[in-house]
N, C-alpha and C. Protein backbone atom coordinates (compact mmCIF):
# COMPACT_ATOMS: atom_id res chain seq x y z
N MET A 1 -8.25 -86.80 29.53
CA MET A 1 -9.13 -87.59 30.37
C MET A 1 -10.57 -87.07 30.24
N VAL A 2 -11.50 -87.99 30.08
CA VAL A 2 -12.90 -87.63 29.98
C VAL A 2 -13.44 -87.32 31.38
N LYS A 3 -14.15 -86.22 31.48
CA LYS A 3 -14.74 -85.84 32.76
C LYS A 3 -15.93 -86.75 33.05
N PRO A 4 -16.09 -87.18 34.29
CA PRO A 4 -17.28 -87.96 34.62
C PRO A 4 -18.54 -87.10 34.47
N LEU A 5 -19.58 -87.72 33.95
CA LEU A 5 -20.85 -87.02 33.71
C LEU A 5 -21.80 -87.27 34.87
N ILE A 6 -22.33 -86.19 35.40
CA ILE A 6 -23.42 -86.25 36.38
C ILE A 6 -24.68 -85.80 35.65
N LEU A 7 -25.63 -86.71 35.54
CA LEU A 7 -26.90 -86.43 34.88
C LEU A 7 -27.96 -86.16 35.94
N VAL A 8 -28.67 -85.06 35.78
CA VAL A 8 -29.78 -84.74 36.67
C VAL A 8 -31.04 -84.70 35.81
N THR A 9 -32.04 -85.47 36.20
CA THR A 9 -33.31 -85.45 35.48
C THR A 9 -34.44 -85.21 36.46
N MET A 10 -35.21 -84.15 36.17
CA MET A 10 -36.28 -83.74 37.06
C MET A 10 -37.66 -84.13 36.55
N GLY A 11 -37.71 -84.80 35.40
CA GLY A 11 -38.99 -85.22 34.85
C GLY A 11 -39.55 -84.18 33.89
N THR A 12 -40.75 -84.47 33.40
CA THR A 12 -41.34 -83.62 32.36
C THR A 12 -42.71 -83.07 32.73
N ASN A 13 -43.11 -83.21 33.98
CA ASN A 13 -44.44 -82.71 34.34
C ASN A 13 -44.42 -81.19 34.55
N ASP A 14 -45.57 -80.63 34.89
CA ASP A 14 -45.70 -79.17 35.00
C ASP A 14 -45.34 -78.62 36.38
N TYR A 15 -44.90 -79.46 37.28
CA TYR A 15 -44.57 -79.01 38.62
C TYR A 15 -43.07 -78.70 38.73
N PRO A 16 -42.72 -77.57 39.33
CA PRO A 16 -41.28 -77.27 39.51
C PRO A 16 -40.68 -78.20 40.56
N PHE A 17 -39.37 -78.34 40.51
CA PHE A 17 -38.65 -79.21 41.46
C PHE A 17 -37.48 -78.42 42.04
N THR A 18 -37.80 -77.28 42.62
CA THR A 18 -36.80 -76.37 43.16
C THR A 18 -35.98 -77.01 44.26
N ARG A 19 -36.58 -77.88 45.04
CA ARG A 19 -35.86 -78.55 46.14
C ARG A 19 -34.66 -79.35 45.60
N LEU A 20 -34.86 -80.07 44.51
CA LEU A 20 -33.76 -80.83 43.93
C LEU A 20 -32.72 -79.90 43.31
N TYR A 21 -33.17 -78.88 42.59
CA TYR A 21 -32.22 -77.94 41.99
C TYR A 21 -31.35 -77.29 43.06
N ASN A 22 -31.96 -76.84 44.16
CA ASN A 22 -31.19 -76.20 45.23
C ASN A 22 -30.17 -77.16 45.84
N ALA A 23 -30.54 -78.42 45.96
CA ALA A 23 -29.61 -79.41 46.53
C ALA A 23 -28.38 -79.58 45.65
N ILE A 24 -28.57 -79.65 44.33
CA ILE A 24 -27.40 -79.87 43.47
C ILE A 24 -26.56 -78.61 43.32
N LYS A 25 -27.21 -77.45 43.22
CA LYS A 25 -26.43 -76.23 42.99
C LYS A 25 -25.62 -75.84 44.23
N ASN A 26 -26.00 -76.34 45.39
CA ASN A 26 -25.27 -76.04 46.61
C ASN A 26 -24.13 -77.02 46.88
N ASP A 27 -24.02 -78.07 46.06
CA ASP A 27 -22.92 -79.02 46.22
C ASP A 27 -21.66 -78.43 45.59
N SER A 28 -20.51 -78.67 46.20
CA SER A 28 -19.26 -78.09 45.72
C SER A 28 -18.90 -78.57 44.31
N LEU A 29 -19.34 -79.75 43.90
CA LEU A 29 -19.02 -80.23 42.55
C LEU A 29 -19.76 -79.45 41.46
N TYR A 30 -20.81 -78.71 41.83
CA TYR A 30 -21.55 -77.92 40.85
C TYR A 30 -20.68 -76.81 40.27
N THR A 31 -19.75 -76.34 41.06
CA THR A 31 -18.86 -75.27 40.59
C THR A 31 -17.44 -75.79 40.34
N ASP A 32 -17.30 -77.10 40.22
CA ASP A 32 -16.01 -77.75 40.03
C ASP A 32 -15.88 -78.17 38.57
N ASN A 33 -14.79 -77.84 37.93
CA ASN A 33 -14.59 -78.18 36.52
C ASN A 33 -14.22 -79.63 36.26
N ARG A 34 -14.02 -80.43 37.30
CA ARG A 34 -13.62 -81.82 37.10
C ARG A 34 -14.76 -82.70 36.60
N CYS A 35 -16.01 -82.26 36.81
CA CYS A 35 -17.17 -83.04 36.39
C CYS A 35 -17.95 -82.28 35.32
N GLU A 36 -18.56 -83.04 34.43
CA GLU A 36 -19.49 -82.48 33.45
C GLU A 36 -20.90 -82.74 33.98
N TRP A 37 -21.77 -81.76 33.82
CA TRP A 37 -23.16 -81.89 34.27
C TRP A 37 -24.08 -81.79 33.06
N PHE A 38 -25.15 -82.57 33.07
CA PHE A 38 -26.27 -82.38 32.16
C PHE A 38 -27.51 -82.36 33.03
N ILE A 39 -28.25 -81.26 32.98
CA ILE A 39 -29.41 -81.09 33.85
C ILE A 39 -30.66 -80.91 32.99
N GLN A 40 -31.59 -81.85 33.11
CA GLN A 40 -32.87 -81.77 32.42
C GLN A 40 -33.88 -81.30 33.45
N THR A 41 -34.40 -80.08 33.26
CA THR A 41 -35.18 -79.42 34.30
C THR A 41 -36.69 -79.58 34.19
N GLY A 42 -37.22 -79.94 33.04
CA GLY A 42 -38.67 -79.94 32.90
C GLY A 42 -39.17 -78.52 33.11
N SER A 43 -40.08 -78.33 34.04
CA SER A 43 -40.64 -76.99 34.29
C SER A 43 -39.91 -76.24 35.40
N CYS A 44 -38.84 -76.80 35.91
CA CYS A 44 -38.09 -76.14 36.99
C CYS A 44 -37.15 -75.09 36.40
N GLU A 45 -37.07 -73.96 37.04
CA GLU A 45 -36.12 -72.92 36.65
C GLU A 45 -34.76 -73.24 37.27
N ALA A 46 -33.72 -73.11 36.47
CA ALA A 46 -32.35 -73.34 36.93
C ALA A 46 -31.50 -72.16 36.51
N PRO A 47 -31.55 -71.07 37.27
CA PRO A 47 -30.89 -69.83 36.84
C PRO A 47 -29.37 -69.85 36.87
N VAL A 48 -28.77 -70.74 37.67
CA VAL A 48 -27.32 -70.78 37.78
C VAL A 48 -26.82 -72.08 37.14
N ALA A 49 -26.07 -71.95 36.05
CA ALA A 49 -25.54 -73.12 35.36
C ALA A 49 -24.34 -73.68 36.12
N PRO A 50 -24.08 -74.98 35.96
CA PRO A 50 -22.89 -75.55 36.58
C PRO A 50 -21.63 -75.02 35.91
N ALA A 51 -20.48 -75.19 36.56
CA ALA A 51 -19.21 -74.72 36.01
C ALA A 51 -18.93 -75.36 34.66
N CYS A 52 -19.30 -76.59 34.50
CA CYS A 52 -19.05 -77.31 33.25
C CYS A 52 -20.30 -78.14 32.96
N GLY A 53 -21.14 -77.67 32.05
CA GLY A 53 -22.32 -78.46 31.76
C GLY A 53 -23.40 -77.71 31.03
N VAL A 54 -24.52 -78.40 30.87
CA VAL A 54 -25.64 -77.94 30.07
C VAL A 54 -26.92 -78.06 30.88
N ILE A 55 -27.82 -77.11 30.66
CA ILE A 55 -29.16 -77.19 31.24
C ILE A 55 -30.16 -77.17 30.08
N GLU A 56 -31.05 -78.16 30.05
CA GLU A 56 -32.09 -78.25 29.02
C GLU A 56 -33.42 -78.54 29.71
N LYS A 57 -34.50 -77.99 29.17
CA LYS A 57 -35.82 -78.27 29.75
C LYS A 57 -36.26 -79.70 29.44
N ILE A 58 -36.28 -80.05 28.18
CA ILE A 58 -36.75 -81.36 27.73
C ILE A 58 -35.80 -81.88 26.67
N ILE A 59 -35.54 -83.18 26.68
CA ILE A 59 -34.74 -83.79 25.62
C ILE A 59 -35.44 -85.07 25.16
N PRO A 60 -35.20 -85.49 23.92
CA PRO A 60 -35.82 -86.73 23.44
C PRO A 60 -35.35 -87.95 24.24
N ARG A 61 -36.19 -88.96 24.29
CA ARG A 61 -35.89 -90.16 25.07
C ARG A 61 -34.58 -90.80 24.62
N ALA A 62 -34.34 -90.87 23.33
CA ALA A 62 -33.09 -91.49 22.85
C ALA A 62 -31.87 -90.75 23.38
N ASP A 63 -31.95 -89.42 23.43
CA ASP A 63 -30.85 -88.63 23.97
C ASP A 63 -30.69 -88.88 25.47
N MET A 64 -31.82 -89.00 26.17
CA MET A 64 -31.77 -89.28 27.60
C MET A 64 -31.11 -90.64 27.85
N GLU A 65 -31.48 -91.62 27.06
CA GLU A 65 -30.91 -92.95 27.24
C GLU A 65 -29.40 -92.92 26.98
N ASP A 66 -28.96 -92.16 25.98
CA ASP A 66 -27.53 -92.03 25.71
C ASP A 66 -26.82 -91.36 26.89
N LEU A 67 -27.42 -90.32 27.45
CA LEU A 67 -26.83 -89.64 28.61
C LEU A 67 -26.73 -90.59 29.80
N ILE A 68 -27.77 -91.38 30.01
CA ILE A 68 -27.75 -92.35 31.11
C ILE A 68 -26.62 -93.35 30.88
N ARG A 69 -26.50 -93.82 29.67
CA ARG A 69 -25.46 -94.80 29.33
C ARG A 69 -24.07 -94.23 29.65
N ARG A 70 -23.86 -92.95 29.37
CA ARG A 70 -22.55 -92.32 29.56
C ARG A 70 -22.31 -91.81 30.98
N SER A 71 -23.34 -91.71 31.78
CA SER A 71 -23.22 -91.06 33.08
C SER A 71 -22.48 -91.92 34.11
N ALA A 72 -21.79 -91.22 35.01
CA ALA A 72 -21.16 -91.87 36.16
C ALA A 72 -22.12 -91.87 37.35
N LEU A 73 -22.97 -90.86 37.41
CA LEU A 73 -23.95 -90.72 38.48
C LEU A 73 -25.19 -90.07 37.89
N VAL A 74 -26.35 -90.56 38.31
CA VAL A 74 -27.62 -89.95 37.93
C VAL A 74 -28.30 -89.48 39.20
N ILE A 75 -28.81 -88.27 39.15
CA ILE A 75 -29.62 -87.72 40.24
C ILE A 75 -30.99 -87.47 39.64
N SER A 76 -32.03 -88.05 40.23
CA SER A 76 -33.31 -88.07 39.54
C SER A 76 -34.50 -87.99 40.46
N HIS A 77 -35.60 -87.49 39.89
CA HIS A 77 -36.90 -87.67 40.51
C HIS A 77 -37.15 -89.17 40.57
N CYS A 78 -38.20 -89.62 41.17
CA CYS A 78 -38.39 -91.05 41.37
C CYS A 78 -39.51 -91.58 40.47
N GLY A 79 -39.38 -91.27 39.18
CA GLY A 79 -40.36 -91.76 38.21
C GLY A 79 -40.05 -93.18 37.79
N ILE A 80 -41.08 -93.93 37.46
CA ILE A 80 -40.91 -95.34 37.12
C ILE A 80 -40.12 -95.52 35.84
N GLY A 81 -40.27 -94.63 34.88
CA GLY A 81 -39.50 -94.72 33.64
C GLY A 81 -38.02 -94.57 33.90
N THR A 82 -37.66 -93.61 34.73
CA THR A 82 -36.26 -93.41 35.08
C THR A 82 -35.73 -94.60 35.87
N LEU A 83 -36.52 -95.10 36.80
CA LEU A 83 -36.11 -96.27 37.58
C LEU A 83 -35.80 -97.44 36.65
N ASN A 84 -36.64 -97.67 35.67
CA ASN A 84 -36.40 -98.77 34.73
C ASN A 84 -35.10 -98.58 33.97
N LEU A 85 -34.80 -97.35 33.54
CA LEU A 85 -33.55 -97.09 32.83
C LEU A 85 -32.34 -97.28 33.75
N MET A 86 -32.48 -96.92 35.01
CA MET A 86 -31.37 -97.11 35.95
C MET A 86 -31.08 -98.60 36.13
N LEU A 87 -32.13 -99.41 36.20
CA LEU A 87 -31.95 -100.85 36.31
C LEU A 87 -31.33 -101.42 35.04
N LYS A 88 -31.80 -100.95 33.91
CA LYS A 88 -31.30 -101.44 32.63
C LYS A 88 -29.80 -101.17 32.47
N TYR A 89 -29.36 -99.99 32.89
CA TYR A 89 -27.96 -99.63 32.71
C TYR A 89 -27.13 -99.75 34.00
N ARG A 90 -27.74 -100.27 35.06
CA ARG A 90 -27.04 -100.52 36.33
C ARG A 90 -26.28 -99.29 36.81
N LYS A 91 -26.93 -98.17 36.80
CA LYS A 91 -26.29 -96.91 37.17
C LYS A 91 -26.41 -96.64 38.66
N ARG A 92 -25.40 -95.95 39.17
CA ARG A 92 -25.49 -95.43 40.53
C ARG A 92 -26.38 -94.20 40.44
N VAL A 93 -27.38 -94.15 41.31
CA VAL A 93 -28.37 -93.09 41.22
C VAL A 93 -28.77 -92.62 42.61
N ILE A 94 -29.05 -91.34 42.68
CA ILE A 94 -29.65 -90.75 43.88
C ILE A 94 -31.05 -90.33 43.47
N PHE A 95 -32.05 -91.00 44.03
CA PHE A 95 -33.44 -90.65 43.76
C PHE A 95 -33.94 -89.65 44.80
N VAL A 96 -34.62 -88.63 44.33
CA VAL A 96 -35.26 -87.65 45.20
C VAL A 96 -36.74 -87.62 44.78
N PRO A 97 -37.60 -88.31 45.53
CA PRO A 97 -39.00 -88.35 45.12
C PRO A 97 -39.68 -86.99 45.24
N ARG A 98 -40.47 -86.68 44.24
CA ARG A 98 -41.31 -85.46 44.29
C ARG A 98 -42.45 -85.72 45.28
N VAL A 99 -42.83 -84.69 46.02
CA VAL A 99 -43.89 -84.86 47.01
C VAL A 99 -44.91 -83.72 46.92
N ALA A 100 -46.13 -84.06 47.22
CA ALA A 100 -47.22 -83.08 47.17
C ALA A 100 -47.03 -81.97 48.20
N ALA A 101 -46.50 -82.29 49.37
CA ALA A 101 -46.33 -81.29 50.44
C ALA A 101 -45.44 -80.12 50.01
N HIS A 102 -44.55 -80.35 49.05
CA HIS A 102 -43.68 -79.29 48.54
C HIS A 102 -44.18 -78.74 47.20
N ASP A 103 -45.43 -79.09 46.84
CA ASP A 103 -46.03 -78.68 45.55
C ASP A 103 -45.18 -79.12 44.36
N GLU A 104 -44.60 -80.34 44.47
CA GLU A 104 -43.77 -80.89 43.40
C GLU A 104 -44.53 -81.90 42.54
N PHE A 105 -45.72 -82.28 43.02
CA PHE A 105 -46.57 -83.20 42.28
C PHE A 105 -47.95 -83.15 42.92
N SER A 106 -48.93 -83.75 42.25
CA SER A 106 -50.29 -83.72 42.77
C SER A 106 -50.55 -84.79 43.82
N ASP A 107 -49.65 -85.78 43.90
CA ASP A 107 -49.81 -86.85 44.89
C ASP A 107 -48.42 -87.34 45.31
N ASP A 108 -48.40 -88.38 46.11
CA ASP A 108 -47.13 -88.91 46.63
C ASP A 108 -46.77 -90.28 46.06
N HIS A 109 -47.15 -90.54 44.82
CA HIS A 109 -46.84 -91.86 44.24
C HIS A 109 -45.33 -92.09 44.14
N GLN A 110 -44.53 -91.04 44.00
CA GLN A 110 -43.08 -91.24 43.93
C GLN A 110 -42.52 -91.68 45.29
N LEU A 111 -43.16 -91.26 46.37
CA LEU A 111 -42.75 -91.77 47.69
C LEU A 111 -43.05 -93.26 47.80
N GLN A 112 -44.18 -93.68 47.25
CA GLN A 112 -44.52 -95.10 47.27
C GLN A 112 -43.47 -95.91 46.50
N ILE A 113 -43.07 -95.40 45.34
CA ILE A 113 -42.03 -96.08 44.55
C ILE A 113 -40.72 -96.10 45.34
N ALA A 114 -40.36 -94.96 45.92
CA ALA A 114 -39.08 -94.83 46.64
C ALA A 114 -38.98 -95.81 47.80
N ARG A 115 -40.08 -96.06 48.47
CA ARG A 115 -40.06 -96.97 49.62
C ARG A 115 -39.78 -98.41 49.21
N GLU A 116 -39.97 -98.73 47.94
CA GLU A 116 -39.75 -100.09 47.46
C GLU A 116 -38.35 -100.33 46.90
N ILE A 117 -37.57 -99.27 46.75
CA ILE A 117 -36.24 -99.41 46.14
C ILE A 117 -35.26 -99.96 47.17
N LYS A 118 -34.69 -101.10 46.84
CA LYS A 118 -33.67 -101.70 47.70
C LYS A 118 -32.56 -102.20 46.79
N ASN A 119 -31.52 -101.39 46.65
CA ASN A 119 -30.44 -101.71 45.73
C ASN A 119 -29.20 -100.96 46.18
N GLN A 120 -28.05 -101.61 46.16
CA GLN A 120 -26.82 -100.97 46.63
C GLN A 120 -26.43 -99.76 45.80
N ARG A 121 -26.83 -99.72 44.54
CA ARG A 121 -26.42 -98.63 43.67
C ARG A 121 -27.47 -97.51 43.64
N MET A 122 -28.54 -97.67 44.40
CA MET A 122 -29.61 -96.67 44.40
C MET A 122 -29.83 -96.14 45.80
N LYS A 123 -29.68 -94.84 45.94
CA LYS A 123 -29.94 -94.18 47.22
C LYS A 123 -31.19 -93.33 47.06
N VAL A 124 -31.99 -93.30 48.09
CA VAL A 124 -33.19 -92.46 48.09
C VAL A 124 -33.01 -91.37 49.13
N VAL A 125 -33.26 -90.14 48.73
CA VAL A 125 -33.24 -89.01 49.66
C VAL A 125 -34.70 -88.63 49.89
N PHE A 126 -35.21 -89.00 51.05
CA PHE A 126 -36.59 -88.69 51.39
C PHE A 126 -36.71 -87.22 51.79
N PRO A 127 -37.92 -86.67 51.81
CA PRO A 127 -38.10 -85.23 52.03
C PRO A 127 -37.42 -84.66 53.27
N ASP A 128 -37.33 -85.43 54.35
CA ASP A 128 -36.70 -84.92 55.57
C ASP A 128 -35.21 -85.24 55.65
N ASP A 129 -34.67 -85.93 54.65
CA ASP A 129 -33.25 -86.29 54.63
C ASP A 129 -32.40 -85.15 54.10
N GLN A 130 -31.16 -85.13 54.53
CA GLN A 130 -30.16 -84.21 53.99
C GLN A 130 -29.63 -84.79 52.68
N PHE A 131 -29.52 -83.97 51.66
CA PHE A 131 -28.95 -84.44 50.39
C PHE A 131 -27.48 -84.78 50.63
N PRO A 132 -27.02 -85.93 50.15
CA PRO A 132 -25.62 -86.33 50.42
C PRO A 132 -24.62 -85.46 49.66
N LEU A 133 -23.45 -85.27 50.25
CA LEU A 133 -22.37 -84.59 49.54
C LEU A 133 -21.87 -85.51 48.44
N LEU A 134 -21.66 -84.96 47.27
CA LEU A 134 -21.17 -85.76 46.15
C LEU A 134 -19.67 -85.95 46.28
N ASP A 135 -19.21 -87.17 46.04
CA ASP A 135 -17.82 -87.54 46.22
C ASP A 135 -17.18 -87.73 44.84
N TYR A 136 -16.30 -86.80 44.46
CA TYR A 136 -15.68 -86.84 43.15
C TYR A 136 -14.95 -88.16 42.90
N GLU A 137 -14.21 -88.65 43.88
CA GLU A 137 -13.44 -89.89 43.68
C GLU A 137 -14.36 -91.07 43.38
N GLN A 138 -15.47 -91.17 44.08
CA GLN A 138 -16.42 -92.25 43.82
C GLN A 138 -17.07 -92.09 42.45
N ILE A 139 -17.43 -90.85 42.11
CA ILE A 139 -18.04 -90.59 40.80
C ILE A 139 -17.06 -90.93 39.69
N LYS A 140 -15.83 -90.55 39.86
CA LYS A 140 -14.79 -90.84 38.86
C LYS A 140 -14.65 -92.34 38.64
N GLU A 141 -14.73 -93.11 39.71
CA GLU A 141 -14.61 -94.57 39.61
C GLU A 141 -15.77 -95.19 38.85
N ASP A 142 -16.95 -94.57 38.93
CA ASP A 142 -18.13 -95.10 38.26
C ASP A 142 -18.27 -94.59 36.82
N ASN A 143 -17.28 -93.90 36.32
CA ASN A 143 -17.35 -93.31 34.99
C ASN A 143 -17.01 -94.35 33.92
N LYS A 144 -17.91 -95.32 33.75
CA LYS A 144 -17.71 -96.39 32.78
C LYS A 144 -18.97 -96.51 31.91
N LEU A 145 -18.78 -96.91 30.68
CA LEU A 145 -19.93 -97.22 29.84
C LEU A 145 -20.53 -98.52 30.32
N SER A 146 -21.83 -98.64 30.22
CA SER A 146 -22.51 -99.87 30.61
C SER A 146 -23.31 -100.40 29.44
N ASP A 147 -23.21 -101.69 29.23
CA ASP A 147 -24.09 -102.34 28.27
C ASP A 147 -25.41 -102.59 28.98
N PRO A 148 -26.52 -102.40 28.29
CA PRO A 148 -27.81 -102.61 28.95
C PRO A 148 -28.04 -104.08 29.27
N VAL A 149 -28.84 -104.31 30.28
CA VAL A 149 -29.29 -105.66 30.60
C VAL A 149 -30.79 -105.72 30.33
N ASP A 150 -31.29 -106.89 30.04
CA ASP A 150 -32.71 -107.06 29.75
C ASP A 150 -33.46 -107.19 31.07
N ILE A 151 -34.30 -106.22 31.37
CA ILE A 151 -35.05 -106.25 32.63
C ILE A 151 -36.52 -106.60 32.41
N THR A 152 -36.84 -107.10 31.21
CA THR A 152 -38.22 -107.43 30.88
C THR A 152 -38.70 -108.57 31.76
N ASN A 153 -39.87 -108.42 32.31
CA ASN A 153 -40.51 -109.48 33.08
C ASN A 153 -41.39 -110.25 32.09
N TYR A 154 -40.84 -111.33 31.54
CA TYR A 154 -41.55 -112.07 30.50
C TYR A 154 -42.79 -112.75 31.02
N ASP A 155 -42.78 -113.22 32.28
CA ASP A 155 -43.97 -113.85 32.85
C ASP A 155 -45.10 -112.84 32.93
N LEU A 156 -44.81 -111.65 33.42
CA LEU A 156 -45.85 -110.62 33.52
C LEU A 156 -46.33 -110.21 32.13
N ALA A 157 -45.41 -110.08 31.19
CA ALA A 157 -45.79 -109.71 29.82
C ALA A 157 -46.74 -110.75 29.22
N GLU A 158 -46.49 -112.03 29.48
CA GLU A 158 -47.36 -113.09 28.96
C GLU A 158 -48.74 -113.02 29.60
N ILE A 159 -48.80 -112.76 30.90
CA ILE A 159 -50.09 -112.63 31.59
C ILE A 159 -50.88 -111.46 31.01
N ILE A 160 -50.23 -110.34 30.82
CA ILE A 160 -50.91 -109.16 30.25
C ILE A 160 -51.38 -109.47 28.84
N ASN A 161 -50.54 -110.12 28.05
CA ASN A 161 -50.92 -110.47 26.67
C ASN A 161 -52.14 -111.39 26.67
N GLN A 162 -52.18 -112.37 27.57
CA GLN A 162 -53.33 -113.28 27.65
C GLN A 162 -54.60 -112.53 28.03
N LYS A 163 -54.49 -111.59 28.96
CA LYS A 163 -55.66 -110.82 29.40
C LYS A 163 -56.17 -109.92 28.25
N LEU A 164 -55.25 -109.37 27.49
CA LEU A 164 -55.66 -108.46 26.41
C LEU A 164 -56.20 -109.20 25.20
N THR A 165 -55.74 -110.40 24.97
CA THR A 165 -56.16 -111.12 23.77
C THR A 165 -57.14 -112.24 24.06
N GLY A 166 -57.32 -112.56 25.34
CA GLY A 166 -58.10 -113.72 25.74
C GLY A 166 -59.54 -113.48 25.80
């Protein structure tokens, strides 16, 4: 049986994201061999590896997209690029927006993005929220490959093209 993959992506900026790392490493599934973890840390230090998994600072976009495709659950910062990939692959995701008050970013644009997310498969953990306990049974059920869907906004693309060429 293939272990369900939990993908954690903290982004690629120069700010650490210790708050997110601490939330995942304190979950009981972090030390459970039933799940596979892939953790992309960016500039965050992750001194304790999961029981079954890999920690990498940066990976190529194609590799990230493959990991997203294979993942049962994604835990992520609230970057727009990641949000687009979650929509494309219809993944269950827990977003944790980076915030300036915790020295995780220079501004709170990820909070602005997070406030706009309304989707049954996307949960947002705001700075004052408790990180949810991960449920192995639910994660196991979501361990399916997904074919991408086209999320291109063709009307907006045409407007931008007209403005750039007009």
